[in-house]
N, C-alpha and C. Protein backbone atom coordinates (compact mmCIF):
# COMPACT_ATOMS: atom_id res chain seq x y z
N MET A 1 108.32 72.90 97.67
CA MET A 1 108.15 73.70 97.72
C MET A 1 106.36 73.75 97.94
N TYR A 2 105.91 72.79 96.68
CA TYR A 2 104.59 72.30 96.72
C TYR A 2 103.90 72.31 97.59
N ASN A 3 104.63 71.23 98.32
CA ASN A 3 104.25 71.02 99.89
C ASN A 3 103.53 72.10 100.67
N ILE A 4 104.55 72.64 100.67
CA ILE A 4 104.71 74.02 101.59
C ILE A 4 103.50 74.94 101.08
N PHE A 5 103.07 75.11 100.25
CA PHE A 5 101.69 75.80 99.07
C PHE A 5 100.32 74.94 99.43
N ASN A 6 100.82 74.13 99.82
CA ASN A 6 99.78 72.99 99.57
C ASN A 6 99.23 73.24 101.37
N SER A 7 100.06 72.98 101.94
CA SER A 7 99.80 73.01 103.53
C SER A 7 99.20 74.39 104.14
N LEU A 8 99.96 75.70 103.48
CA LEU A 8 99.37 77.21 104.02
C LEU A 8 97.93 77.10 103.55
N VAL A 9 97.90 76.69 102.46
CA VAL A 9 96.45 76.85 101.31
C VAL A 9 95.44 76.51 102.22
N SER A 10 95.60 75.13 102.65
CA SER A 10 94.83 74.40 103.26
C SER A 10 94.32 74.85 104.69
N ALA A 11 95.62 75.53 105.46
CA ALA A 11 95.21 76.17 106.49
C ALA A 11 94.49 77.43 106.47
N ALA A 12 94.66 78.03 105.25
CA ALA A 12 94.21 79.36 104.70
C ALA A 12 92.44 79.25 104.77
N LYS A 13 92.16 77.89 103.94
CA LYS A 13 90.55 77.32 103.58
C LYS A 13 89.87 77.31 104.56
N THR A 14 90.38 77.00 106.15
CA THR A 14 89.82 76.56 107.20
C THR A 14 88.83 77.87 107.94
N ILE A 15 89.43 79.13 107.21
CA ILE A 15 88.56 80.16 108.15
C ILE A 15 87.43 80.86 107.07
N GLY A 16 87.27 79.82 105.32
CA GLY A 16 86.61 80.43 104.77
C GLY A 16 87.01 81.69 103.86
N LEU A 17 87.59 81.83 103.70
CA LEU A 17 88.24 82.96 103.10
C LEU A 17 87.82 82.51 101.46
N ALA A 18 87.50 82.82 100.46
CA ALA A 18 87.56 82.39 99.28
C ALA A 18 88.47 83.28 98.15
N ASN A 19 89.08 84.07 98.27
CA ASN A 19 90.07 84.64 97.52
C ASN A 19 91.16 84.91 98.47
N ILE A 20 92.04 83.30 98.05
CA ILE A 20 93.50 82.84 98.25
C ILE A 20 94.02 82.89 96.66
N TYR A 21 95.27 83.74 97.02
CA TYR A 21 96.46 83.97 96.01
C TYR A 21 97.79 83.20 95.82
N LEU A 22 98.59 82.28 95.29
CA LEU A 22 100.38 82.36 95.70
C LEU A 22 100.86 83.66 95.11
N SER A 23 101.73 83.80 96.00
CA SER A 23 102.77 85.10 95.25
C SER A 23 102.39 86.53 95.11
N ASN A 24 101.43 86.10 94.18
CA ASN A 24 100.76 87.55 93.71
C ASN A 24 98.88 87.60 93.86
N ARG A 25 98.49 88.44 93.59
CA ARG A 25 97.01 88.52 93.27
C ARG A 25 96.80 89.26 91.81
N PRO A 26 95.99 88.97 91.51
CA PRO A 26 95.86 89.36 90.10
C PRO A 26 95.00 91.06 90.43
N LYS A 27 94.56 91.49 89.21
CA LYS A 27 94.33 92.78 88.96
C LYS A 27 92.87 92.64 90.30
N VAL A 28 92.53 93.58 91.19
CA VAL A 28 91.78 93.41 92.09
C VAL A 28 90.04 93.79 91.61
N ALA A 29 89.45 92.80 91.82
CA ALA A 29 88.01 92.80 91.27
C ALA A 29 87.20 93.77 92.62
N LYS A 30 86.02 94.41 91.83
CA LYS A 30 85.71 95.43 92.26
C LYS A 30 84.50 94.76 93.80
N GLU A 31 84.38 93.35 93.10
CA GLU A 31 83.13 92.64 94.30
C GLU A 31 83.91 91.89 95.39
N MET A 32 84.79 92.15 95.36
CA MET A 32 86.14 91.44 96.21
C MET A 32 85.96 92.28 97.51
N SER A 33 85.73 91.70 98.48
CA SER A 33 86.00 92.93 99.85
C SER A 33 87.51 92.07 100.49
N GLU A 34 87.59 90.89 100.54
CA GLU A 34 89.07 90.23 101.53
C GLU A 34 89.67 89.30 100.18
N PHE A 35 91.11 89.20 100.51
CA PHE A 35 91.81 88.12 100.40
C PHE A 35 92.88 87.80 101.13
N VAL A 36 93.44 86.82 100.75
CA VAL A 36 95.12 86.79 101.37
C VAL A 36 95.89 86.01 99.97
N VAL A 37 97.21 86.50 100.04
CA VAL A 37 98.27 86.50 99.06
C VAL A 37 98.99 85.63 99.93
N ILE A 38 99.41 84.53 99.41
CA ILE A 38 100.20 83.59 100.41
C ILE A 38 101.68 83.42 99.67
N ASP A 39 102.51 84.28 100.55
CA ASP A 39 103.98 84.02 99.58
C ASP A 39 105.26 83.12 100.26
N LEU A 40 106.67 82.69 99.82
CA LEU A 40 107.89 82.29 100.08
C LEU A 40 108.82 83.41 99.72
N PRO A 41 108.92 84.47 100.42
CA PRO A 41 109.94 84.97 99.75
C PRO A 41 111.31 85.41 100.09
N THR A 42 111.39 84.12 101.07
CA THR A 42 112.90 84.08 101.17
C THR A 42 113.85 82.71 100.63
N GLU A 43 114.74 82.72 100.81
CA GLU A 43 115.60 81.85 100.27
C GLU A 43 115.18 80.50 101.02
N GLN A 44 115.51 79.13 100.83
CA GLN A 44 115.37 78.32 101.43
C GLN A 44 116.57 77.84 102.05
N TYR A 45 116.28 77.04 102.87
CA TYR A 45 117.53 76.75 103.69
C TYR A 45 117.49 74.97 104.10
N ARG A 46 118.18 74.46 103.22
CA ARG A 46 118.29 72.46 103.84
C ARG A 46 118.99 72.50 105.10
N ALA A 47 118.37 71.85 105.95
CA ALA A 47 119.74 71.31 107.31
C ALA A 47 120.19 69.79 106.44
N VAL A 48 121.11 70.02 107.37
CA VAL A 48 121.73 68.64 107.57
C VAL A 48 120.80 67.12 108.29
N LYS A 49 120.54 66.50 107.28
CA LYS A 49 119.77 65.14 107.97
C LYS A 49 120.63 64.13 109.15
N GLY A 50 119.71 64.59 110.04
CA GLY A 50 120.41 63.91 111.82
C GLY A 50 120.34 64.97 112.20
N ASN A 51 120.56 66.53 111.53
CA ASN A 51 120.18 67.37 112.92
C ASN A 51 119.55 67.53 113.94
N ASP A 52 118.18 67.21 113.10
CA ASP A 52 116.93 67.42 113.55
C ASP A 52 115.75 67.17 112.67
N ASP A 53 114.31 67.05 113.06
CA ASP A 53 113.09 66.34 112.63
C ASP A 53 113.08 67.07 110.96
N PHE A 54 113.39 67.93 111.08
CA PHE A 54 113.19 68.80 109.67
C PHE A 54 114.29 69.43 108.62
N ILE A 55 113.87 69.51 107.37
CA ILE A 55 114.85 69.21 106.77
C ILE A 55 114.82 70.92 105.96
N VAL A 56 114.14 71.63 105.74
CA VAL A 56 114.03 73.09 105.06
C VAL A 56 113.62 73.67 105.92
N ARG A 57 114.16 74.62 106.09
CA ARG A 57 113.83 75.93 106.74
C ARG A 57 113.58 77.43 105.78
N THR A 58 112.21 77.58 106.15
CA THR A 58 112.38 79.19 105.11
C THR A 58 111.54 79.88 105.78
N GLU A 59 110.71 80.90 105.31
CA GLU A 59 110.04 82.26 106.05
C GLU A 59 108.73 82.03 104.90
N GLY A 60 107.28 82.44 105.50
CA GLY A 60 106.68 82.47 104.97
C GLY A 60 105.52 83.70 105.14
N VAL A 61 105.00 84.53 104.22
CA VAL A 61 104.02 85.38 104.24
C VAL A 61 102.64 85.18 103.74
N PHE A 62 101.95 85.35 104.99
CA PHE A 62 100.26 86.15 104.69
C PHE A 62 100.37 87.28 104.52
N TYR A 63 99.88 88.16 103.09
CA TYR A 63 99.53 89.31 102.63
C TYR A 63 97.95 89.37 102.94
N ILE A 64 97.19 89.91 103.94
CA ILE A 64 95.49 89.78 104.13
C ILE A 64 95.17 91.18 103.53
N GLY A 65 94.45 91.10 103.15
CA GLY A 65 94.28 92.74 102.48
C GLY A 65 92.36 92.54 102.80
N VAL A 66 91.72 93.76 103.24
CA VAL A 66 90.45 94.16 103.28
C VAL A 66 90.37 95.17 102.96
N LYS A 67 89.22 95.05 102.24
CA LYS A 67 88.25 96.66 101.03
C LYS A 67 88.08 97.61 102.54
N ALA A 68 88.34 98.92 102.21
CA ALA A 68 88.23 100.30 103.02
C ALA A 68 86.48 100.24 102.87
N LYS A 69 86.48 101.10 103.81
CA LYS A 69 84.86 101.50 103.89
C LYS A 69 84.65 102.42 102.65
N SER A 70 83.24 103.13 102.58
CA SER A 70 82.68 103.45 101.11
C SER A 70 83.49 104.92 101.06
N ASP A 71 83.78 105.24 102.45
CA ASP A 71 84.70 106.63 102.77
C ASP A 71 86.01 106.44 102.33
N ASN A 72 86.61 105.30 102.16
CA ASN A 72 87.92 104.77 101.51
C ASN A 72 88.41 105.49 102.94
N THR A 73 87.91 104.82 104.24
CA THR A 73 88.83 104.79 105.57
C THR A 73 88.51 103.56 105.87
N PRO A 74 89.89 102.91 106.46
CA PRO A 74 90.12 101.35 106.97
C PRO A 74 88.95 100.96 107.66
N ASN A 75 88.80 99.39 106.77
CA ASN A 75 87.62 98.59 107.92
C ASN A 75 88.30 98.07 108.97
N ILE A 76 88.42 99.35 110.32
CA ILE A 76 89.75 98.35 111.24
C ILE A 76 88.68 97.16 112.03
N GLY A 77 87.62 97.05 111.91
CA GLY A 77 86.99 96.31 112.87
C GLY A 77 86.82 94.81 112.00
N LYS A 78 86.84 94.75 110.74
CA LYS A 78 86.78 93.65 109.92
C LYS A 78 88.07 93.40 109.48
N GLN A 79 89.13 94.21 109.34
CA GLN A 79 90.57 93.67 108.94
C GLN A 79 91.10 93.07 110.46
N THR A 80 90.68 93.68 111.67
CA THR A 80 91.31 93.32 113.01
C THR A 80 90.85 91.20 113.16
N ASP A 81 89.55 91.40 112.55
CA ASP A 81 88.75 90.04 112.57
C ASP A 81 89.84 89.07 112.30
N LEU A 82 89.74 89.41 111.30
CA LEU A 82 90.24 88.63 109.79
C LEU A 82 91.84 88.15 110.11
N VAL A 83 92.60 88.72 110.75
CA VAL A 83 93.38 88.79 111.00
C VAL A 83 94.18 88.08 111.81
N GLN A 84 92.93 88.37 112.97
CA GLN A 84 92.74 87.45 114.50
C GLN A 84 92.49 85.99 114.07
N LYS A 85 92.06 85.75 113.04
CA LYS A 85 91.62 84.58 112.58
C LYS A 85 92.96 83.85 111.80
N PHE A 86 93.51 84.57 111.02
CA PHE A 86 95.17 83.75 110.89
C PHE A 86 95.69 84.07 112.37
N MET A 87 96.05 84.94 112.93
CA MET A 87 96.62 84.26 114.21
C MET A 87 96.43 83.11 114.38
N ASP A 88 95.40 82.82 114.73
CA ASP A 88 94.64 81.75 115.64
C ASP A 88 94.62 80.47 115.54
N LEU A 89 95.48 80.66 113.72
CA LEU A 89 96.31 79.11 112.92
C LEU A 89 97.34 78.46 113.63
N PHE A 90 98.23 79.67 114.55
CA PHE A 90 99.32 79.01 114.59
C PHE A 90 99.65 78.67 115.67
N PRO A 91 100.52 77.49 115.90
CA PRO A 91 101.14 77.05 114.86
C PRO A 91 100.74 76.25 113.86
N ILE A 92 100.93 76.14 112.66
CA ILE A 92 100.48 75.70 111.52
C ILE A 92 101.11 74.37 111.11
N GLU A 93 100.37 73.02 111.69
CA GLU A 93 101.28 71.96 111.17
C GLU A 93 100.23 70.74 110.40
N ASP A 94 101.57 70.00 109.77
CA ASP A 94 100.36 68.62 109.59
C ASP A 94 101.61 68.00 108.67
N ASP A 95 101.42 67.17 107.88
CA ASP A 95 102.13 66.20 107.64
C ASP A 95 103.69 66.37 107.10
N PHE A 96 103.35 67.53 106.62
CA PHE A 96 104.27 68.51 105.68
C PHE A 96 105.30 69.65 106.36
N ILE A 97 104.69 70.62 106.83
CA ILE A 97 105.39 71.31 107.37
C ILE A 97 104.82 71.76 109.23
N VAL A 98 105.84 72.86 109.78
CA VAL A 98 105.75 72.99 111.10
C VAL A 98 105.41 74.90 110.89
N ALA A 99 104.82 75.94 110.93
CA ALA A 99 104.92 77.18 111.03
C ALA A 99 103.98 77.91 111.76
N SER A 100 105.36 78.94 112.72
CA SER A 100 105.21 79.50 113.78
C SER A 100 105.76 80.49 113.95
N GLY A 101 106.05 81.21 114.97
CA GLY A 101 106.30 82.40 114.72
C GLY A 101 105.84 83.33 114.58
N PRO A 102 104.70 83.69 114.59
CA PRO A 102 103.99 85.02 113.57
C PRO A 102 104.07 86.35 113.89
N SER A 103 104.23 87.08 113.49
CA SER A 103 104.54 88.07 113.79
C SER A 103 103.63 89.89 112.56
N ILE A 104 102.90 90.18 113.01
CA ILE A 104 102.22 91.32 112.27
C ILE A 104 102.76 92.68 112.12
N LEU A 105 102.18 92.92 110.68
CA LEU A 105 102.59 94.35 110.12
C LEU A 105 101.22 95.33 109.41
N MET A 106 101.68 96.13 109.98
CA MET A 106 100.43 97.35 109.04
C MET A 106 100.63 97.70 108.05
N ARG A 107 100.52 97.21 106.67
CA ARG A 107 100.94 97.90 105.62
C ARG A 107 100.04 99.19 105.24
N GLY A 108 99.03 99.32 105.28
CA GLY A 108 98.56 100.05 104.71
C GLY A 108 97.66 100.21 103.42
N ASP A 109 97.06 101.53 102.64
CA ASP A 109 96.59 101.01 101.41
C ASP A 109 97.44 100.55 100.35
N ASP A 110 96.82 99.54 99.80
CA ASP A 110 97.87 99.75 98.44
C ASP A 110 97.39 100.28 97.20
N LYS A 111 96.73 101.05 97.44
CA LYS A 111 96.66 102.11 96.17
C LYS A 111 95.51 101.27 95.28
N ALA A 112 94.86 100.60 95.76
CA ALA A 112 93.26 99.64 95.22
C ALA A 112 92.69 99.63 95.71
N GLY A 113 92.22 100.73 97.19
CA GLY A 113 91.00 100.36 98.21
C GLY A 113 91.17 99.44 98.73
N PHE A 114 92.25 98.91 99.18
CA PHE A 114 92.50 97.81 100.22
C PHE A 114 93.34 98.26 101.45
N GLN A 115 93.47 97.86 102.48
CA GLN A 115 94.57 97.68 103.28
C GLN A 115 94.99 96.77 103.90
N ILE A 116 96.44 96.38 103.60
CA ILE A 116 97.02 94.94 103.60
C ILE A 116 98.05 95.22 104.78
N THR A 117 98.02 94.11 105.58
CA THR A 117 98.33 93.76 106.78
C THR A 117 98.93 92.06 106.63
N THR A 118 100.29 91.91 107.13
CA THR A 118 101.04 91.39 106.76
C THR A 118 101.70 90.01 108.25
N ILE A 119 101.55 89.22 107.86
CA ILE A 119 101.88 88.48 108.90
C ILE A 119 103.17 87.69 108.56
N SER A 120 104.19 87.24 109.15
CA SER A 120 105.16 86.58 108.55
C SER A 120 105.51 85.62 109.54
N PHE A 121 106.23 84.54 109.20
CA PHE A 121 106.11 83.61 109.92
C PHE A 121 106.91 82.29 109.66
N ASN A 122 107.98 81.29 110.38
CA ASN A 122 108.76 80.69 109.76
C ASN A 122 108.28 78.75 109.41
N ILE A 123 109.07 78.91 109.02
CA ILE A 123 108.31 77.78 107.91
C ILE A 123 109.67 76.62 108.61
N ARG A 124 109.15 75.30 108.56
CA ARG A 124 110.24 74.05 108.58
C ARG A 124 109.37 72.90 108.15
N THR A 125 109.95 72.21 106.76
CA THR A 125 109.19 70.79 106.55
C THR A 125 109.83 70.03 107.05
N LYS A 126 109.12 68.92 107.34
CA LYS A 126 109.54 67.69 107.99
C LYS A 126 109.92 66.82 107.09
N ILE A 127 110.79 65.91 107.94
CA ILE A 127 112.32 65.31 106.70
C ILE A 127 111.21 64.49 106.30
N ASN A 128 110.88 63.54 106.89
CA ASN A 128 109.79 62.14 105.53
C ASN A 128 108.39 62.77 105.11
N SER A 129 108.53 64.28 105.11
CA SER A 129 107.40 65.02 104.04
C SER A 129 107.40 64.81 102.89
N TYR A 130 108.29 64.45 101.97
CA TYR A 130 108.59 64.26 100.49
C TYR A 130 108.63 62.57 100.35
N LYS A 131 107.62 62.39 99.42
CA LYS A 131 107.43 61.12 98.94
C LYS A 131 108.48 61.34 97.70
N LEU A 132 108.58 60.37 97.48
CA LEU A 132 109.64 59.58 96.13
C LEU A 132 108.87 58.73 95.29
């Protein structure tokens, strides 16, 4: 699981986002204007070696938060731009994983002044990606 998170964090960092969290975000800081939470909310399925080039299949989620405007209305332009930057990352591929098949869901207000958009995607780990 470390390799999966590491690969996804590395991809998210290419966007230039400063606030990247794993699984849960801490209490929202007032000065924060955007963030992403990277989560692996589903089971991981181990493939039988030899069936293909991947050993574990699972799903991942980017929870993307953008601070609402001062009048508490969604900042649609900023949210759309940030979500598009994440969508442009796909497929995410490195020496450890391939993440593909993203789908977007607008979640709305998180009761802390942020609008949340989720991007769900499939993850496959490469068979020789784990070093002994």
